Protein backbone atom coordinates (compact mmCIF):
# COMPACT_ATOMS: atom_id res chain seq x y z
CA MET A 1 6.36 33.03 -2.76
CA ILE A 2 3.50 31.37 -1.40
CA GLU A 3 3.45 29.78 2.16
CA ILE A 4 2.07 26.44 2.77
CA LEU A 5 1.32 25.38 6.56
CA PRO A 6 0.21 21.97 6.48
CA GLY A 7 -0.45 21.05 9.83
CA GLU A 8 -1.15 17.69 11.51
CA ILE A 9 -4.87 17.91 10.31
CA GLY A 10 -4.34 19.16 6.53
CA ALA A 11 -1.41 17.05 6.57
CA GLN A 12 -3.69 13.70 6.50
CA HIS A 13 -6.14 15.08 4.36
CA VAL A 14 -4.19 15.23 1.03
CA ARG A 15 -5.27 13.52 -2.45
CA LEU A 16 -4.39 13.86 -5.82
CA ALA A 17 -6.68 14.06 -8.74
CA ILE A 18 -6.72 15.22 -12.11
CA SER A 19 -8.82 18.07 -13.68
CA PRO A 20 -9.54 18.17 -17.98
CA LEU A 21 -10.06 21.59 -17.71
CA GLU A 22 -7.00 22.48 -16.30
CA GLU A 23 -5.43 21.23 -19.26
CA VAL A 24 -7.61 23.20 -20.44
CA LEU A 25 -6.95 26.29 -19.36
CA ASN A 26 -3.02 25.54 -19.33
CA ALA A 27 -3.05 24.54 -23.19
CA VAL A 28 -5.34 27.89 -24.11
CA ARG A 29 -2.03 29.55 -22.38
CA VAL A 30 0.35 27.89 -24.12
CA LEU A 31 -1.03 28.86 -27.69
CA SER A 32 -1.99 32.49 -26.62
CA LYS A 33 1.53 33.17 -26.02
CA PRO A 34 4.11 32.33 -28.18
CA GLY A 35 7.18 30.77 -27.29
CA ARG A 36 5.88 30.05 -23.41
CA SER A 37 6.66 26.65 -23.85
CA ALA A 38 8.95 24.82 -25.88
CA VAL A 39 7.84 21.53 -24.82
CA HIS A 40 5.12 21.71 -26.35
CA ALA A 41 6.28 23.41 -29.55
CA ARG A 42 5.02 20.64 -31.90
CA TRP A 43 1.53 20.69 -31.06
CA ALA A 44 1.45 24.48 -30.49
CA ALA A 45 2.50 24.99 -33.83
CA ALA A 46 -0.18 22.92 -35.22
CA ASN A 47 -3.04 24.25 -32.65
CA ARG A 48 -2.03 27.92 -32.65
CA SER A 49 -4.68 28.47 -35.61
CA THR A 50 -7.36 26.48 -34.42
CA LEU A 51 -7.77 28.84 -31.25
CA THR A 52 -7.68 31.83 -33.58
CA CYS A 53 -10.60 30.08 -35.52
CA LEU A 54 -12.49 29.18 -32.02
CA ASP A 55 -13.17 32.93 -31.69
CA VAL A 56 -12.67 32.64 -27.62
CA PRO A 57 -11.61 36.43 -27.01
CA GLU A 58 -12.93 36.72 -23.78
CA LEU A 59 -11.01 33.57 -22.12
CA VAL A 60 -8.04 33.87 -23.89
CA SER A 61 -7.77 37.80 -22.37
CA LEU A 62 -8.86 36.53 -18.92
CA LEU A 63 -5.88 33.61 -18.73
CA ALA A 64 -3.22 36.85 -20.25
CA GLY A 65 -2.51 37.81 -16.91
CA ASP A 66 0.99 36.16 -14.93
CA GLN A 67 -0.79 36.82 -11.18
CA TYR A 68 -3.86 34.88 -11.33
CA PHE A 69 -6.75 33.59 -13.43
CA PRO A 70 -10.20 32.78 -12.02
CA ASP A 71 -10.57 29.80 -10.11
CA PHE A 72 -13.71 29.00 -11.24
CA LEU A 73 -12.97 28.31 -14.77
CA SER A 74 -11.25 25.05 -13.31
CA PRO A 75 -13.28 23.95 -10.02
CA PRO A 76 -11.24 21.66 -8.48
CA PRO A 77 -12.13 17.82 -9.40
CA GLN A 78 -13.71 15.45 -6.31
CA ASP A 79 -11.79 12.46 -7.68
CA SER A 80 -9.82 11.05 -10.67
CA ALA A 81 -12.92 9.89 -11.92
CA THR A 82 -14.46 13.14 -12.20
CA THR A 83 -15.33 14.36 -15.85
CA VAL A 84 -15.37 17.49 -17.87
CA GLU A 85 -18.65 17.72 -18.31
CA ASP A 86 -18.81 17.57 -14.26
CA GLN A 87 -16.77 20.67 -14.42
CA LEU A 88 -18.38 22.41 -16.55
CA GLU A 89 -21.17 22.02 -14.43
CA ALA A 90 -19.74 23.43 -11.42
CA VAL A 91 -18.36 26.32 -13.38
CA ILE A 92 -22.01 27.14 -13.86
CA ARG A 93 -23.56 26.90 -10.80
CA THR A 94 -20.61 29.48 -9.78
CA SER A 95 -22.56 32.36 -8.20
CA ALA A 96 -22.12 35.85 -10.14
CA GLU A 97 -20.98 37.30 -6.90
CA GLN A 98 -18.33 34.86 -7.20
CA VAL A 99 -17.50 34.92 -10.96
CA ARG A 100 -16.99 39.02 -10.56
CA THR A 101 -14.64 38.59 -7.61
CA GLU A 102 -12.23 36.51 -9.49
CA ILE A 103 -12.20 38.54 -12.58
CA VAL A 104 -11.73 41.77 -10.72
CA MET A 105 -9.09 39.36 -9.40
CA SER A 106 -7.73 38.40 -12.36
CA THR A 107 -7.25 41.78 -14.15
CA ALA A 108 -5.49 44.05 -11.04
CA GLY A 109 -2.94 45.65 -12.10
CA ARG A 110 -3.05 45.61 -16.35
CA ASP A 111 -5.08 47.21 -18.25
CA ILE A 112 -8.49 45.55 -18.94
CA PRO A 113 -9.39 44.81 -22.86
CA GLY A 114 -12.64 45.59 -23.63
CA GLU A 115 -14.21 42.43 -23.60
CA LEU A 116 -13.23 41.82 -20.02
CA ASP A 117 -15.04 45.20 -18.88
CA GLU A 118 -17.73 43.72 -21.01
CA LEU A 119 -17.75 40.51 -18.47
CA LEU A 120 -17.88 42.05 -15.52
CA ARG A 121 -21.07 44.34 -16.50
CA ASP A 122 -22.65 40.96 -15.78
CA PRO A 123 -20.94 37.94 -14.25
CA GLY A 124 -23.81 35.85 -14.35
CA GLU A 125 -23.83 36.12 -18.10
CA ALA A 126 -20.19 36.11 -18.28
CA ARG A 127 -20.11 32.89 -16.25
CA ASP A 128 -22.21 31.25 -19.06
CA LEU A 129 -20.10 32.55 -21.92
CA LEU A 130 -16.95 31.51 -20.46
CA ALA A 131 -18.38 28.31 -19.80
CA GLU A 132 -19.49 27.88 -23.30
CA GLN A 133 -16.04 29.07 -24.57
CA LEU A 134 -14.13 26.32 -22.55
CA ARG A 135 -16.62 23.69 -24.10
CA LYS A 136 -15.20 24.72 -27.54
CA CYS A 137 -11.80 24.45 -26.44
CA TRP A 138 -12.00 21.12 -24.82
CA ASP A 139 -13.75 19.67 -27.95
CA MET A 140 -11.21 21.14 -30.95
CA LEU A 141 -7.46 21.66 -28.60
CA VAL A 142 -7.69 19.08 -25.90
CA ARG A 143 -10.09 16.05 -26.10
CA PRO A 144 -8.17 14.72 -29.38
CA VAL A 145 -4.96 14.39 -27.50
CA TRP A 146 -6.96 13.31 -23.87
CA PRO A 147 -5.90 9.79 -23.89
CA ARG A 148 -2.22 10.91 -24.61
CA LEU A 149 -2.44 13.04 -21.48
CA GLN A 150 -4.36 10.99 -19.25
CA ASP A 151 -1.28 8.56 -19.78
CA VAL A 152 1.09 10.82 -18.51
CA LEU A 153 -1.41 12.38 -15.93
CA ARG A 154 -2.10 8.87 -14.26
CA THR A 155 1.36 7.93 -14.74
CA ASP A 156 2.67 11.07 -12.10
CA ILE A 157 -0.72 10.06 -9.55
CA ASP A 158 1.02 6.80 -9.39
CA TYR A 159 4.48 8.08 -8.73
CA ARG A 160 3.45 10.53 -6.58
CA THR A 161 1.41 7.97 -4.62
CA ARG A 162 4.56 5.98 -4.12
CA GLN A 163 6.34 8.33 -2.90
CA PHE A 164 3.83 9.04 -0.31
CA GLY A 165 4.73 5.56 0.88
CA ALA A 166 8.45 6.17 1.22
CA GLY A 167 8.33 9.65 2.84
CA GLY A 168 5.33 10.81 3.34
CA LEU A 169 3.84 14.61 2.34
CA ALA A 170 7.48 16.50 2.31
CA LYS A 171 8.57 14.12 0.03
CA VAL A 172 6.27 14.80 -2.35
CA LEU A 173 5.86 18.19 -2.15
CA GLY A 174 9.80 18.52 -2.37
CA SER A 175 9.33 16.81 -5.56
CA VAL A 176 6.38 18.68 -7.65
CA HIS A 177 9.01 21.16 -8.44
CA PRO A 178 12.85 22.24 -8.39
CA GLY A 179 12.13 25.84 -6.39
CA VAL A 180 10.01 24.33 -3.73
CA THR A 181 11.25 24.28 -0.35
CA ILE A 182 10.28 23.10 3.27
CA ASN A 183 11.27 24.34 6.23
CA HIS A 184 10.55 23.46 9.99
CA GLY A 185 7.08 22.34 8.53
CA ARG A 186 6.32 25.30 6.16
CA VAL A 187 6.12 24.49 2.44
CA LEU A 188 7.68 27.43 0.04
CA LEU A 189 6.11 27.30 -3.03
CA PRO A 190 7.77 29.62 -6.14
CA THR A 191 4.74 31.90 -7.30
CA PHE A 192 4.49 34.85 -9.25
CA ASN A 193 2.18 35.79 -6.44
CA THR A 194 2.22 35.72 -2.62
CA GLY A 195 0.08 34.64 0.02
CA ARG A 196 -0.19 32.47 3.37
CA LEU A 197 -2.36 28.99 3.17
CA GLU A 198 -3.48 26.99 6.87
CA LEU A 199 -4.62 23.86 5.90
CA ASP A 200 -7.60 22.42 7.54
CA GLU A 201 -9.68 19.35 7.63
CA ARG A 202 -10.55 19.95 3.75
CA GLY A 203 -6.40 19.38 3.38
CA LEU A 204 -4.72 19.99 0.15
CA LEU A 205 -5.53 18.98 -3.80
CA LEU A 206 -2.72 17.99 -5.62
CA VAL A 207 -3.23 18.59 -9.59
CA PRO A 208 -0.81 17.40 -12.36
CA SER A 209 -0.85 19.12 -15.55
CA ALA A 210 0.62 18.59 -18.71
CA PHE A 211 0.60 21.52 -19.97
CA ALA A 212 1.33 24.00 -16.84
CA SER A 213 5.26 25.20 -16.76
CA HIS A 214 4.83 26.59 -13.15
CA ILE A 215 3.15 25.70 -9.96
CA GLY A 216 -0.18 27.41 -9.21
CA VAL A 217 -2.05 27.55 -5.85
CA MET A 218 -6.00 27.75 -5.22
CA MET A 219 -6.56 29.24 -2.45
CA VAL A 220 -9.40 31.71 -3.16
CA PRO A 221 -12.72 30.67 -0.68
CA PRO A 222 -14.60 28.79 -1.48
CA TRP A 223 -12.65 26.84 -3.65
CA GLN A 224 -11.19 23.51 -2.24
CA PRO A 225 -6.93 24.77 -1.76
CA SER A 226 -5.29 22.88 -4.46
CA LEU A 227 -1.56 22.79 -6.00
CA VAL A 228 -1.22 22.28 -9.66
CA TYR A 229 2.51 21.87 -10.79
CA PRO A 230 4.01 20.31 -13.90
CA ALA A 231 3.35 16.69 -14.46
CA ARG A 232 6.64 14.03 -14.74
CA GLY A 233 6.84 13.01 -18.24
CA SER A 234 5.44 15.96 -20.28
CA ALA A 235 8.04 16.81 -22.18
CA THR A 236 7.81 13.41 -24.08
CA LEU A 237 4.34 13.97 -24.99
CA TRP A 238 4.73 14.73 -28.59
CA GLU A 239 8.00 12.90 -28.98
CA ASP A 240 6.51 11.26 -32.41
CA VAL A 241 4.89 14.27 -33.79
CA PRO A 242 6.77 15.43 -37.40
CA ALA A 243 7.73 19.40 -36.67
CA PRO A 244 6.13 21.23 -38.96
CA ASP A 245 8.79 22.00 -40.75
CA GLY A 246 11.35 19.57 -39.28
CA ASP A 247 13.19 19.76 -35.77
CA LEU A 248 15.43 22.47 -36.84
CA LEU A 249 16.84 22.36 -32.94
CA ALA A 250 17.35 18.29 -33.46
CA GLY A 251 19.51 19.45 -36.93
CA VAL A 252 21.90 21.74 -35.15
CA VAL A 253 22.32 20.40 -31.58
CA GLY A 254 21.40 16.46 -32.02
CA ARG A 255 18.45 14.89 -30.45
CA THR A 256 19.08 14.15 -27.26
CA LYS A 257 20.39 17.95 -26.46
CA ALA A 258 17.26 19.39 -28.48
CA ARG A 259 14.72 17.48 -26.01
CA LEU A 260 17.01 18.28 -22.65
CA LEU A 261 16.52 21.92 -23.68
CA ARG A 262 13.38 21.99 -24.76
CA ALA A 263 12.72 20.40 -21.02
CA LEU A 264 14.66 23.09 -19.48
CA ASP A 265 11.94 25.31 -19.34
CA SER A 266 12.11 25.47 -15.66
CA PRO A 267 14.97 24.36 -13.76
CA ALA A 268 15.97 21.11 -12.93
CA SER A 269 18.69 18.71 -11.73
CA THR A 270 20.30 15.34 -13.71
CA THR A 271 18.04 13.10 -11.55
CA VAL A 272 15.14 14.93 -12.61
CA LEU A 273 15.85 15.35 -16.24
CA ALA A 274 17.07 11.61 -16.65
CA GLU A 275 13.39 10.63 -15.27
CA ARG A 276 11.86 12.99 -17.95
CA LEU A 277 13.37 12.28 -20.85
CA GLY A 278 13.93 8.19 -19.64
CA VAL A 279 17.65 8.80 -20.10
CA ALA A 280 20.41 7.44 -18.29
CA PRO A 281 21.67 9.90 -15.58
CA SER A 282 25.27 9.64 -16.76
CA THR A 283 24.10 10.33 -20.67
CA ILE A 284 22.50 13.57 -19.10
CA SER A 285 25.41 14.14 -17.57
CA GLU A 286 27.54 14.52 -20.89
CA HIS A 287 25.61 16.72 -22.81
CA ILE A 288 25.05 19.22 -19.97
CA LYS A 289 28.26 19.65 -19.87
CA ALA A 290 28.40 19.83 -23.42
CA LEU A 291 25.30 22.36 -23.97
CA ALA A 292 26.50 24.58 -20.50
CA ALA A 293 30.66 24.85 -22.40
CA ALA A 294 28.51 26.09 -25.43
CA GLY A 295 27.05 28.90 -23.12
CA LEU A 296 23.34 27.34 -23.22
CA LEU A 297 22.81 26.31 -20.43
CA ASN A 298 23.55 27.67 -16.27
CA GLY A 299 24.00 25.46 -13.15
CA ARG A 300 22.89 26.73 -9.62
CA ARG A 301 23.97 24.48 -7.02
CA ALA A 302 20.39 24.01 -4.40
CA GLY A 303 21.55 21.75 -1.34
CA ARG A 304 23.58 18.59 -2.74
CA ASN A 305 22.21 19.06 -6.13
CA VAL A 306 22.43 21.74 -9.23
CA ASN A 307 20.15 22.90 -11.07
CA TYR A 308 20.10 23.89 -14.33
CA SER A 309 18.14 26.11 -16.67
CA ARG A 310 18.34 27.66 -20.09
CA SER A 311 20.37 30.60 -20.64
CA SER A 312 19.45 33.86 -22.46
CA LEU A 313 21.03 32.03 -25.88
CA GLY A 314 19.86 28.53 -25.24
CA ASP A 315 16.70 30.61 -24.94
CA GLU A 316 17.05 32.21 -27.85
CA LEU A 317 18.64 29.19 -29.45
CA VAL A 318 15.04 27.36 -28.73
CA SER A 319 12.92 30.04 -29.42
CA SER A 320 14.50 30.41 -32.99
CA ALA A 321 14.18 26.95 -34.13
CA THR A 322 10.63 26.60 -33.01
């Protein structure tokens, strides 16, 4: 759990931006961990062999942990006009000392593969190698679908901007993930690691990600404090992409129920699911009742809402069909 204290100054300096390299990192994580995200199963099935052919073992190993992966691999964008070239230049400018610090942080508490041990011998050379691998992954994995991803990310930013006008920062942060709680000026985020972030005049950068399945927080100096969160509408990204061998899950439970199950990688309420899938809340409610009755979903009350998630049986069904 990470605690953010916006304060009067920090709350006045919040902005949103798109990060191309954040999509690269999260796309690699989806491909290198089978079953990590049912939402992207079709895309992953078509691209997993591509990641293998790219031969980027150092990058894959660095992103394998769940606690932290290096912030220098996705420097915070200055604005939504920031390009992947801008970010790659920022990666190359990162000091060798900062690179070493973040690689050590990312490997803490887990066995260090041989390729990561080699990176620590010469952080400057490691930085250049990783920048090259990021570019390869961008060119082969993300750039071909970048217009599709941009549409989702820009739509999310438009939505959050309207939320700012309707309810300020609390309204926005309270909706980026079902597990976020706001209490007496504190924002509590459901993350693998723990920490406390007091915002200053730099404020907070909000970065939607189409490939992200969880919230991530960038708080290591000297980087701009940033919050990466799953973008709205990501569950609809690949609906028109045929499944490699047909949609087995849809054949069992029906198309809408299959979409609903895949969208529940993280807990969500009926209202949130209806917005994500573009289906009426009453329709979503009926499908949820049927799936819950079959033992595929669990429900947990959070205030006035009930957040639903896949049961172990639901996870097994989605994984097997994928």
